[in-house]
Amino acid sequence: METEKPEYVDFAVTARKYKTLLTTKYKNRKQWINPSPYDIQSIIPGTILEIFIKEGDVVKEGEPLLILEAMKMQNRIEMPFTARIKKINVEVGVRIPKDSLMIELEAVDEI
């Protein structure tokens, strides 16, 4: 029976290079994915109280999209930049977990 050879990984701290072994917990972690600016995700779990937009609407930067209630606080989610609403993935009264994709956006030509 062969034993698995350890895999050393290079890393640098203040211009000094080291070698280390990665732990199983680190190897099995959830990989970070750079979020798309065209996806509006929930940063906290909560309940959708109100939705102010419809699919196909062109919404300007700073306008409200929806209200997400979390821990008895009503969080107003605003449009980060001017874009068209491609798809709404939530409904009023539905409880959503953290990191849920609430709204998908698409680019628009200048208004």
PDB file of N, CA and C in Angstrom:
ATOM      1  N   MET A   1       0.851  -1.172   0.000  1.00  0.00           N
ATOM      2  CA  MET A   1       0.000   0.000   0.000  1.00  0.00           C
ATOM      3  C   MET A   1       0.898   1.236   0.000  1.00  0.00           C
ATOM      4  N   GLU A   2       0.665   2.107  -0.984  1.00  0.00           N
ATOM      5  CA  GLU A   2       1.501   3.308  -1.097  1.00  0.00           C
ATOM      6  C   GLU A   2       0.922   4.430  -0.248  1.00  0.00           C
ATOM      7  N   THR A   3       1.792   5.229   0.326  1.00  0.00           N
ATOM      8  CA  THR A   3       1.337   6.401   1.062  1.00  0.00           C
ATOM      9  C   THR A   3       1.372   7.602   0.129  1.00  0.00           C
ATOM     10  N   GLU A   4       0.446   8.489   0.358  1.00  0.00           N
ATOM     11  CA  GLU A   4       0.361   9.676  -0.481  1.00  0.00           C
ATOM     12  C   GLU A   4       1.492  10.637  -0.134  1.00  0.00           C
ATOM     13  N   LYS A   5       2.155  11.127  -1.161  1.00  0.00           N
ATOM     14  CA  LYS A   5       3.277  12.046  -0.955  1.00  0.00           C
ATOM     15  C   LYS A   5       2.726  13.424  -0.613  1.00  0.00           C
ATOM     16  N   PRO A   6       3.258  14.084   0.431  1.00  0.00           N
ATOM     17  CA  PRO A   6       2.746  15.408   0.797  1.00  0.00           C
ATOM     18  C   PRO A   6       3.025  16.430  -0.305  1.00  0.00           C
ATOM     19  N   GLU A   7       2.069  17.326  -0.484  1.00  0.00           N
ATOM     20  CA  GLU A   7       2.204  18.371  -1.502  1.00  0.00           C
ATOM     21  C   GLU A   7       2.504  19.695  -0.794  1.00  0.00           C
ATOM     22  N   TYR A   8       3.700  20.214  -1.002  1.00  0.00           N
ATOM     23  CA  TYR A   8       4.085  21.475  -0.388  1.00  0.00           C
ATOM     24  C   TYR A   8       3.683  22.633  -1.290  1.00  0.00           C
ATOM     25  N   VAL A   9       3.244  23.734  -0.690  1.00  0.00           N
ATOM     26  CA  VAL A   9       2.786  24.919  -1.408  1.00  0.00           C
ATOM     27  C   VAL A   9       3.659  26.095  -0.997  1.00  0.00           C
ATOM     28  N   ASP A  10       4.049  26.905  -1.971  1.00  0.00           N
ATOM     29  CA  ASP A  10       4.856  28.101  -1.675  1.00  0.00           C
ATOM     30  C   ASP A  10       3.951  29.252  -1.255  1.00  0.00           C
ATOM     31  N   PHE A  11       4.411  30.050  -0.318  1.00  0.00           N
ATOM     32  CA  PHE A  11       3.760  31.313   0.023  1.00  0.00           C
ATOM     33  C   PHE A  11       4.816  32.279   0.513  1.00  0.00           C
ATOM     34  N   ALA A  12       4.507  33.568   0.436  1.00  0.00           N
ATOM     35  CA  ALA A  12       5.484  34.591   0.806  1.00  0.00           C
ATOM     36  C   ALA A  12       4.909  35.498   1.881  1.00  0.00           C
ATOM     37  N   VAL A  13       5.757  35.866   2.829  1.00  0.00           N
ATOM     38  CA  VAL A  13       5.406  36.815   3.876  1.00  0.00           C
ATOM     39  C   VAL A  13       6.544  37.815   3.952  1.00  0.00           C
ATOM     40  N   THR A  14       6.226  39.067   3.731  1.00  0.00           N
ATOM     41  CA  THR A  14       7.213  40.157   3.730  1.00  0.00           C
ATOM     42  C   THR A  14       8.486  39.764   2.980  1.00  0.00           C
ATOM     43  N   ALA A  15       8.321  39.357   1.750  1.00  0.00           N
ATOM     44  CA  ALA A  15       9.411  39.043   0.811  1.00  0.00           C
ATOM     45  C   ALA A  15      10.208  37.791   1.183  1.00  0.00           C
ATOM     46  N   ARG A  16       9.760  37.020   2.156  1.00  0.00           N
ATOM     47  CA  ARG A  16      10.418  35.759   2.490  1.00  0.00           C
ATOM     48  C   ARG A  16       9.521  34.624   2.028  1.00  0.00           C
ATOM     49  N   LYS A  17      10.115  33.627   1.402  1.00  0.00           N
ATOM     50  CA  LYS A  17       9.341  32.513   0.880  1.00  0.00           C
ATOM     51  C   LYS A  17       9.412  31.322   1.823  1.00  0.00           C
ATOM     52  N   TYR A  18       8.258  30.655   1.974  1.00  0.00           N
ATOM     53  CA  TYR A  18       8.140  29.488   2.835  1.00  0.00           C
ATOM     54  C   TYR A  18       7.437  28.368   2.073  1.00  0.00           C
ATOM     55  N   LYS A  19       7.543  27.166   2.585  1.00  0.00           N
ATOM     56  CA  LYS A  19       6.794  26.024   2.073  1.00  0.00           C
ATOM     57  C   LYS A  19       5.971  25.472   3.229  1.00  0.00           C
ATOM     58  N   THR A  20       4.755  25.055   2.908  1.00  0.00           N
ATOM     59  CA  THR A  20       3.873  24.523   3.939  1.00  0.00           C
ATOM     60  C   THR A  20       2.984  23.451   3.344  1.00  0.00           C
ATOM     61  N   LEU A  21       2.355  22.689   4.208  1.00  0.00           N
ATOM     62  CA  LEU A  21       1.358  21.702   3.793  1.00  0.00           C
ATOM     63  C   LEU A  21      -0.022  22.303   4.010  1.00  0.00           C
ATOM     64  N   LEU A  22      -0.939  22.033   3.097  1.00  0.00           N
ATOM     65  CA  LEU A  22      -2.305  22.516   3.245  1.00  0.00           C
ATOM     66  C   LEU A  22      -3.103  21.510   4.063  1.00  0.00           C
ATOM     67  N   THR A  23      -3.950  22.011   4.956  1.00  0.00           N
ATOM     68  CA  THR A  23      -4.785  21.132   5.757  1.00  0.00           C
ATOM     69  C   THR A  23      -5.964  20.637   4.926  1.00  0.00           C
ATOM     70  N   THR A  24      -6.554  19.548   5.358  1.00  0.00           N
ATOM     71  CA  THR A  24      -7.735  19.004   4.675  1.00  0.00           C
ATOM     72  C   THR A  24      -8.876  20.011   4.728  1.00  0.00           C
ATOM     73  N   LYS A  25      -9.033  20.689   5.849  1.00  0.00           N
ATOM     74  CA  LYS A  25     -10.087  21.693   5.983  1.00  0.00           C
ATOM     75  C   LYS A  25      -9.900  22.800   4.949  1.00  0.00           C
ATOM     76  N   TYR A  26      -8.676  23.241   4.752  1.00  0.00           N
ATOM     77  CA  TYR A  26      -8.397  24.290   3.767  1.00  0.00           C
ATOM     78  C   TYR A  26      -8.677  23.784   2.354  1.00  0.00           C
ATOM     79  N   LYS A  27      -8.278  22.561   2.053  1.00  0.00           N
ATOM     80  CA  LYS A  27      -8.503  22.006   0.715  1.00  0.00           C
ATOM     81  C   LYS A  27      -9.985  21.842   0.406  1.00  0.00           C
ATOM     82  N   ASN A  28     -10.802  21.562   1.423  1.00  0.00           N
ATOM     83  CA  ASN A  28     -12.232  21.323   1.231  1.00  0.00           C
ATOM     84  C   ASN A  28     -13.093  22.570   1.409  1.00  0.00           C
ATOM     85  N   ARG A  29     -12.481  23.719   1.595  1.00  0.00           N
ATOM     86  CA  ARG A  29     -13.240  24.947   1.823  1.00  0.00           C
ATOM     87  C   ARG A  29     -14.039  25.328   0.578  1.00  0.00           C
ATOM     88  N   LYS A  30     -15.043  26.165   0.767  1.00  0.00           N
ATOM     89  CA  LYS A  30     -15.826  26.681  -0.349  1.00  0.00           C
ATOM     90  C   LYS A  30     -14.952  27.688  -1.104  1.00  0.00           C
ATOM     91  N   GLN A  31     -14.786  27.471  -2.380  1.00  0.00           N
ATOM     92  CA  GLN A  31     -13.948  28.355  -3.183  1.00  0.00           C
ATOM     93  C   GLN A  31     -14.615  29.716  -3.355  1.00  0.00           C
ATOM     94  N   TRP A  32     -13.833  30.783  -3.288  1.00  0.00           N
ATOM     95  CA  TRP A  32     -14.344  32.131  -3.486  1.00  0.00           C
ATOM     96  C   TRP A  32     -14.495  32.386  -4.979  1.00  0.00           C
ATOM     97  N   ILE A  33     -15.635  32.939  -5.360  1.00  0.00           N
ATOM     98  CA  ILE A  33     -15.899  33.270  -6.754  1.00  0.00           C
ATOM     99  C   ILE A  33     -16.142  34.767  -6.829  1.00  0.00           C
ATOM    100  N   ASN A  34     -15.459  35.431  -7.733  1.00  0.00           N
ATOM    101  CA  ASN A  34     -15.637  36.865  -7.899  1.00  0.00           C
ATOM    102  C   ASN A  34     -17.071  37.133  -8.349  1.00  0.00           C
ATOM    103  N   PRO A  35     -17.872  37.847  -7.539  1.00  0.00           N
ATOM    104  CA  PRO A  35     -19.274  38.045  -7.898  1.00  0.00           C
ATOM    105  C   PRO A  35     -19.433  38.968  -9.108  1.00  0.00           C
ATOM    106  N   SER A  36     -20.447  38.690  -9.888  1.00  0.00           N
ATOM    107  CA  SER A  36     -20.749  39.523 -11.047  1.00  0.00           C
ATOM    108  C   SER A  36     -21.433  40.801 -10.575  1.00  0.00           C
ATOM    109  N   PRO A  37     -21.077  41.955 -11.136  1.00  0.00           N
ATOM    110  CA  PRO A  37     -21.776  43.191 -10.762  1.00  0.00           C
ATOM    111  C   PRO A  37     -23.219  43.186 -11.244  1.00  0.00           C
ATOM    112  N   TYR A  38     -23.575  42.251 -12.122  1.00  0.00           N
ATOM    113  CA  TYR A  38     -24.941  42.171 -12.643  1.00  0.00           C
ATOM    114  C   TYR A  38     -25.824  41.215 -11.847  1.00  0.00           C
ATOM    115  N   ASP A  39     -25.343  40.734 -10.707  1.00  0.00           N
ATOM    116  CA  ASP A  39     -26.131  39.886  -9.816  1.00  0.00           C
ATOM    117  C   ASP A  39     -26.307  40.604  -8.486  1.00  0.00           C
ATOM    118  N   ILE A  40     -27.564  40.766  -8.047  1.00  0.00           N
ATOM    119  CA  ILE A  40     -27.852  41.351  -6.738  1.00  0.00           C
ATOM    120  C   ILE A  40     -28.137  40.178  -5.806  1.00  0.00           C
ATOM    121  N   GLN A  41     -27.232  39.957  -4.820  1.00  0.00           N
ATOM    122  CA  GLN A  41     -27.366  38.849  -3.891  1.00  0.00           C
ATOM    123  C   GLN A  41     -27.674  39.358  -2.487  1.00  0.00           C
ATOM    124  N   SER A  42     -28.322  38.504  -1.707  1.00  0.00           N
ATOM    125  CA  SER A  42     -28.588  38.861  -0.312  1.00  0.00           C
ATOM    126  C   SER A  42     -27.309  38.634   0.489  1.00  0.00           C
ATOM    127  N   ILE A  43     -26.947  39.611   1.288  1.00  0.00           N
ATOM    128  CA  ILE A  43     -25.750  39.453   2.119  1.00  0.00           C
ATOM    129  C   ILE A  43     -26.105  38.920   3.500  1.00  0.00           C
ATOM    130  N   ILE A  44     -27.423  38.894   3.797  1.00  0.00           N
ATOM    131  CA  ILE A  44     -27.915  38.344   5.061  1.00  0.00           C
ATOM    132  C   ILE A  44     -29.201  37.571   4.758  1.00  0.00           C
ATOM    133  N   PRO A  45     -29.549  36.579   5.588  1.00  0.00           N
ATOM    134  CA  PRO A  45     -30.825  35.902   5.388  1.00  0.00           C
ATOM    135  C   PRO A  45     -31.972  36.813   5.820  1.00  0.00           C
ATOM    136  N   GLY A  46     -33.119  36.673   5.189  1.00  0.00           N
ATOM    137  CA  GLY A  46     -34.245  37.504   5.561  1.00  0.00           C
ATOM    138  C   GLY A  46     -35.478  37.190   4.739  1.00  0.00           C
ATOM    139  N   THR A  47     -36.512  38.028   4.912  1.00  0.00           N
ATOM    140  CA  THR A  47     -37.791  37.867   4.231  1.00  0.00           C
ATOM    141  C   THR A  47     -38.018  39.058   3.307  1.00  0.00           C
ATOM    142  N   ILE A  48     -38.469  38.793   2.100  1.00  0.00           N
ATOM    143  CA  ILE A  48     -38.767  39.853   1.146  1.00  0.00           C
ATOM    144  C   ILE A  48     -40.109  40.469   1.528  1.00  0.00           C
ATOM    145  N   LEU A  49     -40.127  41.759   1.854  1.00  0.00           N
ATOM    146  CA  LEU A  49     -41.361  42.434   2.245  1.00  0.00           C
ATOM    147  C   LEU A  49     -42.038  43.136   1.072  1.00  0.00           C
ATOM    148  N   GLU A  50     -41.242  43.717   0.189  1.00  0.00           N
ATOM    149  CA  GLU A  50     -41.816  44.499  -0.900  1.00  0.00           C
ATOM    150  C   GLU A  50     -40.835  44.528  -2.068  1.00  0.00           C
ATOM    151  N   ILE A  51     -41.367  44.471  -3.290  1.00  0.00           N
ATOM    152  CA  ILE A  51     -40.547  44.568  -4.499  1.00  0.00           C
ATOM    153  C   ILE A  51     -41.069  45.763  -5.290  1.00  0.00           C
ATOM    154  N   PHE A  52     -40.178  46.693  -5.654  1.00  0.00           N
ATOM    155  CA  PHE A  52     -40.570  47.932  -6.316  1.00  0.00           C
ATOM    156  C   PHE A  52     -40.420  47.906  -7.838  1.00  0.00           C
ATOM    157  N   ILE A  53     -39.873  46.842  -8.395  1.00  0.00           N
ATOM    158  CA  ILE A  53     -39.541  46.825  -9.821  1.00  0.00           C
ATOM    159  C   ILE A  53     -40.173  45.617 -10.499  1.00  0.00           C
ATOM    160  N   LYS A  54     -40.160  45.615 -11.849  1.00  0.00           N
ATOM    161  CA  LYS A  54     -40.640  44.491 -12.638  1.00  0.00           C
ATOM    162  C   LYS A  54     -39.545  44.106 -13.618  1.00  0.00           C
ATOM    163  N   GLU A  55     -39.608  42.877 -14.118  1.00  0.00           N
ATOM    164  CA  GLU A  55     -38.648  42.445 -15.126  1.00  0.00           C
ATOM    165  C   GLU A  55     -38.802  43.314 -16.366  1.00  0.00           C
ATOM    166  N   GLY A  56     -37.671  43.736 -16.923  1.00  0.00           N
ATOM    167  CA  GLY A  56     -37.680  44.586 -18.109  1.00  0.00           C
ATOM    168  C   GLY A  56     -37.559  46.069 -17.801  1.00  0.00           C
ATOM    169  N   ASP A  57     -37.777  46.465 -16.538  1.00  0.00           N
ATOM    170  CA  ASP A  57     -37.648  47.881 -16.159  1.00  0.00           C
ATOM    171  C   ASP A  57     -36.190  48.324 -16.262  1.00  0.00           C
ATOM    172  N   VAL A  58     -35.986  49.581 -16.663  1.00  0.00           N
ATOM    173  CA  VAL A  58     -34.666  50.196 -16.594  1.00  0.00           C
ATOM    174  C   VAL A  58     -34.667  51.033 -15.320  1.00  0.00           C
ATOM    175  N   VAL A  59     -33.770  50.692 -14.399  1.00  0.00           N
ATOM    176  CA  VAL A  59     -33.737  51.337 -13.084  1.00  0.00           C
ATOM    177  C   VAL A  59     -32.437  52.126 -12.968  1.00  0.00           C
ATOM    178  N   LYS A  60     -32.553  53.357 -12.475  1.00  0.00           N
ATOM    179  CA  LYS A  60     -31.383  54.218 -12.334  1.00  0.00           C
ATOM    180  C   LYS A  60     -30.676  53.965 -11.007  1.00  0.00           C
ATOM    181  N   GLU A  61     -29.400  54.305 -10.985  1.00  0.00           N
ATOM    182  CA  GLU A  61     -28.576  54.142  -9.793  1.00  0.00           C
ATOM    183  C   GLU A  61     -29.214  54.821  -8.590  1.00  0.00           C
ATOM    184  N   GLY A  62     -29.264  54.117  -7.452  1.00  0.00           N
ATOM    185  CA  GLY A  62     -29.786  54.673  -6.206  1.00  0.00           C
ATOM    186  C   GLY A  62     -31.270  54.449  -5.991  1.00  0.00           C
ATOM    187  N   GLU A  63     -32.010  54.034  -7.012  1.00  0.00           N
ATOM    188  CA  GLU A  63     -33.444  53.785  -6.844  1.00  0.00           C
ATOM    189  C   GLU A  63     -33.655  52.479  -6.074  1.00  0.00           C
ATOM    190  N   PRO A  64     -34.740  52.398  -5.283  1.00  0.00           N
ATOM    191  CA  PRO A  64     -34.974  51.175  -4.489  1.00  0.00           C
ATOM    192  C   PRO A  64     -35.406  50.005  -5.363  1.00  0.00           C
ATOM    193  N   LEU A  65     -34.903  48.816  -5.021  1.00  0.00           N
ATOM    194  CA  LEU A  65     -35.285  47.585  -5.713  1.00  0.00           C
ATOM    195  C   LEU A  65     -36.289  46.787  -4.888  1.00  0.00           C
ATOM    196  N   LEU A  66     -35.953  46.593  -3.600  1.00  0.00           N
ATOM    197  CA  LEU A  66     -36.826  45.803  -2.735  1.00  0.00           C
ATOM    198  C   LEU A  66     -36.495  46.085  -1.283  1.00  0.00           C
ATOM    199  N   ILE A  67     -37.348  45.568  -0.407  1.00  0.00           N
ATOM    200  CA  ILE A  67     -37.115  45.654   1.043  1.00  0.00           C
ATOM    201  C   ILE A  67     -36.902  44.228   1.553  1.00  0.00           C
ATOM    202  N   LEU A  68     -35.768  44.018   2.239  1.00  0.00           N
ATOM    203  CA  LEU A  68     -35.419  42.727   2.825  1.00  0.00           C
ATOM    204  C   LEU A  68     -35.416  42.890   4.338  1.00  0.00           C
ATOM    205  N   GLU A  69     -36.318  42.180   5.016  1.00  0.00           N
ATOM    206  CA  GLU A  69     -36.384  42.256   6.475  1.00  0.00           C
ATOM    207  C   GLU A  69     -35.493  41.180   7.075  1.00  0.00           C
ATOM    208  N   ALA A  70     -34.597  41.603   7.944  1.00  0.00           N
ATOM    209  CA  ALA A  70     -33.703  40.677   8.631  1.00  0.00           C
ATOM    210  C   ALA A  70     -33.516  41.164  10.061  1.00  0.00           C
ATOM    211  N   MET A  71     -33.676  40.266  11.015  1.00  0.00           N
ATOM    212  CA  MET A  71     -33.521  40.581  12.440  1.00  0.00           C
ATOM    213  C   MET A  71     -34.366  41.799  12.835  1.00  0.00           C
ATOM    214  N   LYS A  72     -35.611  41.835  12.357  1.00  0.00           N
ATOM    215  CA  LYS A  72     -36.594  42.890  12.644  1.00  0.00           C
ATOM    216  C   LYS A  72     -36.176  44.256  12.105  1.00  0.00           C
ATOM    217  N   MET A  73     -35.213  44.270  11.193  1.00  0.00           N
ATOM    218  CA  MET A  73     -34.779  45.515  10.544  1.00  0.00           C
ATOM    219  C   MET A  73     -35.174  45.432   9.075  1.00  0.00           C
ATOM    220  N   GLN A  74     -35.692  46.528   8.538  1.00  0.00           N
ATOM    221  CA  GLN A  74     -36.056  46.572   7.129  1.00  0.00           C
ATOM    222  C   GLN A  74     -34.905  47.193   6.346  1.00  0.00           C
ATOM    223  N   ASN A  75     -34.282  46.392   5.485  1.00  0.00           N
ATOM    224  CA  ASN A  75     -33.125  46.822   4.700  1.00  0.00           C
ATOM    225  C   ASN A  75     -33.588  47.160   3.286  1.00  0.00           C
ATOM    226  N   ARG A  76     -33.367  48.393   2.890  1.00  0.00           N
ATOM    227  CA  ARG A  76     -33.752  48.828   1.547  1.00  0.00           C
ATOM    228  C   ARG A  76     -32.587  48.527   0.602  1.00  0.00           C
ATOM    229  N   ILE A  77     -32.812  47.667  -0.370  1.00  0.00           N
ATOM    230  CA  ILE A  77     -31.785  47.302  -1.346  1.00  0.00           C
ATOM    231  C   ILE A  77     -31.931  48.253  -2.532  1.00  0.00           C
ATOM    232  N   GLU A  78     -30.852  48.983  -2.832  1.00  0.00           N
ATOM    233  CA  GLU A  78     -30.889  49.981  -3.891  1.00  0.00           C
ATOM    234  C   GLU A  78     -30.079  49.527  -5.096  1.00  0.00           C
ATOM    235  N   MET A  79     -30.397  50.126  -6.228  1.00  0.00           N
ATOM    236  CA  MET A  79     -29.713  49.811  -7.486  1.00  0.00           C
ATOM    237  C   MET A  79     -28.289  50.353  -7.436  1.00  0.00           C
ATOM    238  N   PRO A  80     -27.272  49.505  -7.708  1.00  0.00           N
ATOM    239  CA  PRO A  80     -25.881  49.956  -7.637  1.00  0.00           C
ATOM    240  C   PRO A  80     -25.462  50.818  -8.836  1.00  0.00           C
ATOM    241  N   PHE A  81     -26.113  50.637  -9.979  1.00  0.00           N
ATOM    242  CA  PHE A  81     -25.816  51.411 -11.191  1.00  0.00           C
ATOM    243  C   PHE A  81     -27.020  51.282 -12.121  1.00  0.00           C
ATOM    244  N   THR A  82     -27.100  52.117 -13.130  1.00  0.00           N
ATOM    245  CA  THR A  82     -28.223  52.073 -14.059  1.00  0.00           C
ATOM    246  C   THR A  82     -28.133  50.813 -14.924  1.00  0.00           C
ATOM    247  N   ALA A  83     -29.233  50.041 -14.929  1.00  0.00           N
ATOM    248  CA  ALA A  83     -29.282  48.789 -15.695  1.00  0.00           C
ATOM    249  C   ALA A  83     -30.732  48.359 -15.868  1.00  0.00           C
ATOM    250  N   ARG A  84     -30.923  47.336 -16.680  1.00  0.00           N
ATOM    251  CA  ARG A  84     -32.251  46.762 -16.911  1.00  0.00           C
ATOM    252  C   ARG A  84     -32.399  45.520 -16.030  1.00  0.00           C
ATOM    253  N   ILE A  85     -33.614  45.330 -15.503  1.00  0.00           N
ATOM    254  CA  ILE A  85     -33.911  44.152 -14.692  1.00  0.00           C
ATOM    255  C   ILE A  85     -34.141  42.982 -15.644  1.00  0.00           C
ATOM    256  N   LYS A  86     -33.246  42.006 -15.587  1.00  0.00           N
ATOM    257  CA  LYS A  86     -33.331  40.833 -16.466  1.00  0.00           C
ATOM    258  C   LYS A  86     -34.271  39.790 -15.864  1.00  0.00           C
ATOM    259  N   LYS A  87     -34.085  39.495 -14.562  1.00  0.00           N
ATOM    260  CA  LYS A  87     -34.899  38.469 -13.916  1.00  0.00           C
ATOM    261  C   LYS A  87     -34.980  38.737 -12.419  1.00  0.00           C
ATOM    262  N   ILE A  88     -36.172  38.542 -11.860  1.00  0.00           N
ATOM    263  CA  ILE A  88     -36.374  38.652 -10.410  1.00  0.00           C
ATOM    264  C   ILE A  88     -36.566  37.237  -9.885  1.00  0.00           C
ATOM    265  N   ASN A  89     -35.698  36.808  -8.984  1.00  0.00           N
ATOM    266  CA  ASN A  89     -35.704  35.430  -8.483  1.00  0.00           C
ATOM    267  C   ASN A  89     -36.355  35.273  -7.120  1.00  0.00           C
ATOM    268  N   VAL A  90     -36.987  36.338  -6.588  1.00  0.00           N
ATOM    269  CA  VAL A  90     -37.619  36.282  -5.264  1.00  0.00           C
ATOM    270  C   VAL A  90     -39.067  36.743  -5.380  1.00  0.00           C
ATOM    271  N   GLU A  91     -39.854  36.426  -4.356  1.00  0.00           N
ATOM    272  CA  GLU A  91     -41.245  36.846  -4.282  1.00  0.00           C
ATOM    273  C   GLU A  91     -41.508  37.451  -2.909  1.00  0.00           C
ATOM    274  N   VAL A  92     -42.510  38.301  -2.829  1.00  0.00           N
ATOM    275  CA  VAL A  92     -42.896  38.916  -1.559  1.00  0.00           C
ATOM    276  C   VAL A  92     -43.340  37.819  -0.593  1.00  0.00           C
ATOM    277  N   GLY A  93     -42.868  37.910   0.650  1.00  0.00           N
ATOM    278  CA  GLY A  93     -43.237  36.970   1.700  1.00  0.00           C
ATOM    279  C   GLY A  93     -42.348  35.745   1.797  1.00  0.00           C
ATOM    280  N   VAL A  94     -41.410  35.586   0.884  1.00  0.00           N
ATOM    281  CA  VAL A  94     -40.542  34.406   0.878  1.00  0.00           C
ATOM    282  C   VAL A  94     -39.285  34.677   1.698  1.00  0.00           C
ATOM    283  N   ARG A  95     -38.903  33.707   2.528  1.00  0.00           N
ATOM    284  CA  ARG A  95     -37.673  33.804   3.320  1.00  0.00           C
ATOM    285  C   ARG A  95     -36.524  33.260   2.477  1.00  0.00           C
ATOM    286  N   ILE A  96     -35.432  34.028   2.389  1.00  0.00           N
ATOM    287  CA  ILE A  96     -34.284  33.616   1.578  1.00  0.00           C
ATOM    288  C   ILE A  96     -33.042  33.485   2.450  1.00  0.00           C
ATOM    289  N   PRO A  97     -32.143  32.562   2.103  1.00  0.00           N
ATOM    290  CA  PRO A  97     -30.895  32.418   2.853  1.00  0.00           C
ATOM    291  C   PRO A  97     -29.856  33.442   2.396  1.00  0.00           C
ATOM    292  N   LYS A  98     -28.774  33.510   3.140  1.00  0.00           N
ATOM    293  CA  LYS A  98     -27.646  34.369   2.780  1.00  0.00           C
ATOM    294  C   LYS A  98     -27.103  33.937   1.424  1.00  0.00           C
ATOM    295  N   ASP A  99     -26.604  34.889   0.650  1.00  0.00           N
ATOM    296  CA  ASP A  99     -25.994  34.669  -0.667  1.00  0.00           C
ATOM    297  C   ASP A  99     -26.975  34.181  -1.727  1.00  0.00           C
ATOM    298  N   SER A 100     -28.273  34.423  -1.539  1.00  0.00           N
ATOM    299  CA  SER A 100     -29.257  34.076  -2.570  1.00  0.00           C
ATOM    300  C   SER A 100     -29.202  35.105  -3.689  1.00  0.00           C
ATOM    301  N   LEU A 101     -29.332  34.627  -4.919  1.00  0.00           N
ATOM    302  CA  LEU A 101     -29.384  35.525  -6.067  1.00  0.00           C
ATOM    303  C   LEU A 101     -30.801  36.071  -6.148  1.00  0.00           C
ATOM    304  N   MET A 102     -30.971  37.361  -5.800  1.00  0.00           N
ATOM    305  CA  MET A 102     -32.299  37.964  -5.763  1.00  0.00           C
ATOM    306  C   MET A 102     -32.701  38.519  -7.129  1.00  0.00           C
ATOM    307  N   ILE A 103     -31.803  39.273  -7.750  1.00  0.00           N
ATOM    308  CA  ILE A 103     -32.121  39.965  -9.006  1.00  0.00           C
ATOM    309  C   ILE A 103     -30.955  39.844  -9.960  1.00  0.00           C
ATOM    310  N   GLU A 104     -31.249  39.578 -11.232  1.00  0.00           N
ATOM    311  CA  GLU A 104     -30.246  39.566 -12.284  1.00  0.00           C
ATOM    312  C   GLU A 104     -30.444  40.803 -13.151  1.00  0.00           C
ATOM    313  N   LEU A 105     -29.341  41.474 -13.463  1.00  0.00           N
ATOM    314  CA  LEU A 105     -29.377  42.712 -14.252  1.00  0.00           C
ATOM    315  C   LEU A 105     -28.732  42.487 -15.607  1.00  0.00           C
ATOM    316  N   GLU A 106     -28.985  43.406 -16.525  1.00  0.00           N
ATOM    317  CA  GLU A 106     -28.284  43.412 -17.809  1.00  0.00           C
ATOM    318  C   GLU A 106     -28.002  44.854 -18.184  1.00  0.00           C
ATOM    319  N   ALA A 107     -26.936  45.039 -18.940  1.00  0.00           N
ATOM    320  CA  ALA A 107     -26.490  46.377 -19.330  1.00  0.00           C
ATOM    321  C   ALA A 107     -27.518  47.028 -20.256  1.00  0.00           C
ATOM    322  N   VAL A 108     -27.579  48.351 -20.198  1.00  0.00           N
ATOM    323  CA  VAL A 108     -28.433  49.116 -21.109  1.00  0.00           C
ATOM    324  C   VAL A 108     -27.590  50.188 -21.780  1.00  0.00           C
ATOM    325  N   ASP A 109     -28.031  50.617 -22.953  1.00  0.00           N
ATOM    326  CA  ASP A 109     -27.380  51.747 -23.599  1.00  0.00           C
ATOM    327  C   ASP A 109     -27.722  53.002 -22.811  1.00  0.00           C
ATOM    328  N   GLU A 110     -26.910  54.021 -22.968  1.00  0.00           N
ATOM    329  CA  GLU A 110     -27.138  55.276 -22.237  1.00  0.00           C
ATOM    330  C   GLU A 110     -28.557  55.790 -22.482  1.00  0.00           C
ATOM    331  N   ILE A 111     -29.166  56.313 -21.449  1.00  0.00           N
ATOM    332  CA  ILE A 111     -30.542  56.817 -21.531  1.00  0.00           C
ATOM    333  C   ILE A 111     -30.548  58.280 -21.918  1.00  0.00           C
TER     334      ILE A 111
END
